[in-house]
Protein backbone atom coordinates (compact mmCIF):
# COMPACT_ATOMS: atom_id res chain seq x y z
CA MET A 1 73.23 15.93 -53.00
CA VAL A 2 72.88 16.38 -56.52
CA ALA A 3 72.55 13.29 -58.66
CA ARG A 4 74.59 12.13 -61.47
CA ASP A 5 72.22 13.51 -63.94
CA ASN A 6 72.38 17.03 -62.45
CA THR A 7 68.97 16.56 -60.57
CA VAL A 8 67.74 17.07 -57.02
CA ALA A 9 65.07 14.95 -55.40
CA TYR A 10 62.37 16.73 -53.53
CA ASP A 11 59.01 15.51 -52.25
CA GLY A 12 58.73 12.78 -55.07
CA LEU A 13 60.01 15.11 -57.69
CA ARG A 14 63.15 15.16 -59.64
CA LEU A 15 64.36 18.80 -60.24
CA GLN A 16 66.72 19.33 -63.17
CA LEU A 17 69.27 22.15 -62.47
CA PRO A 18 69.80 24.54 -65.19
CA PRO A 19 73.19 25.25 -66.78
CA SER A 20 75.30 27.58 -64.73
CA PRO A 21 78.30 29.98 -65.60
CA MET A 22 79.71 28.97 -62.21
CA ARG A 23 80.26 25.34 -63.00
CA ALA A 24 79.80 22.66 -65.72
CA HIS A 25 77.65 20.69 -63.50
CA PHE A 26 76.67 20.24 -59.74
CA VAL A 27 76.95 16.50 -59.65
CA ARG A 28 77.74 15.33 -56.07
CA VAL A 29 77.44 18.96 -54.73
CA TRP A 30 75.38 19.19 -51.45
CA VAL A 31 72.59 21.82 -51.90
CA LYS A 32 69.71 23.17 -49.63
CA LEU A 33 66.29 23.39 -50.87
CA ARG A 34 63.82 26.10 -49.64
CA HIS A 35 60.15 25.75 -50.12
CA TYR A 36 58.62 29.30 -49.81
CA PRO A 37 54.90 29.94 -48.56
CA ASP A 38 54.05 31.06 -52.07
CA GLY A 39 55.01 27.63 -53.38
CA THR A 40 58.09 28.43 -55.05
CA LEU A 41 61.25 26.23 -54.47
CA ALA A 42 64.92 27.56 -54.29
CA VAL A 43 68.02 25.43 -54.81
CA LEU A 44 70.82 26.92 -53.00
CA SER A 45 74.60 25.81 -53.29
CA ARG A 46 76.86 25.38 -50.23
CA SER A 47 77.91 29.02 -50.63
CA TRP A 48 74.15 29.69 -50.67
CA LEU A 49 74.14 31.21 -54.05
CA GLU A 50 70.76 30.64 -55.68
CA LEU A 51 70.97 28.15 -58.48
CA MET A 52 67.27 27.67 -59.33
CA VAL A 53 64.01 28.89 -58.49
CA ALA A 54 60.89 26.90 -59.75
């Protein structure tokens, strides 16, 4: 779940979600994180839209 400061915790890190034209914020939204073999992370919203790739 996205924290009140619009961040997601993963493996000891806090990832800040960037601004989106879809919503003003993602506070309390359940998201899915994907860690790809090349080391990139993707944060996906419930509708599985990609919110962020790092």
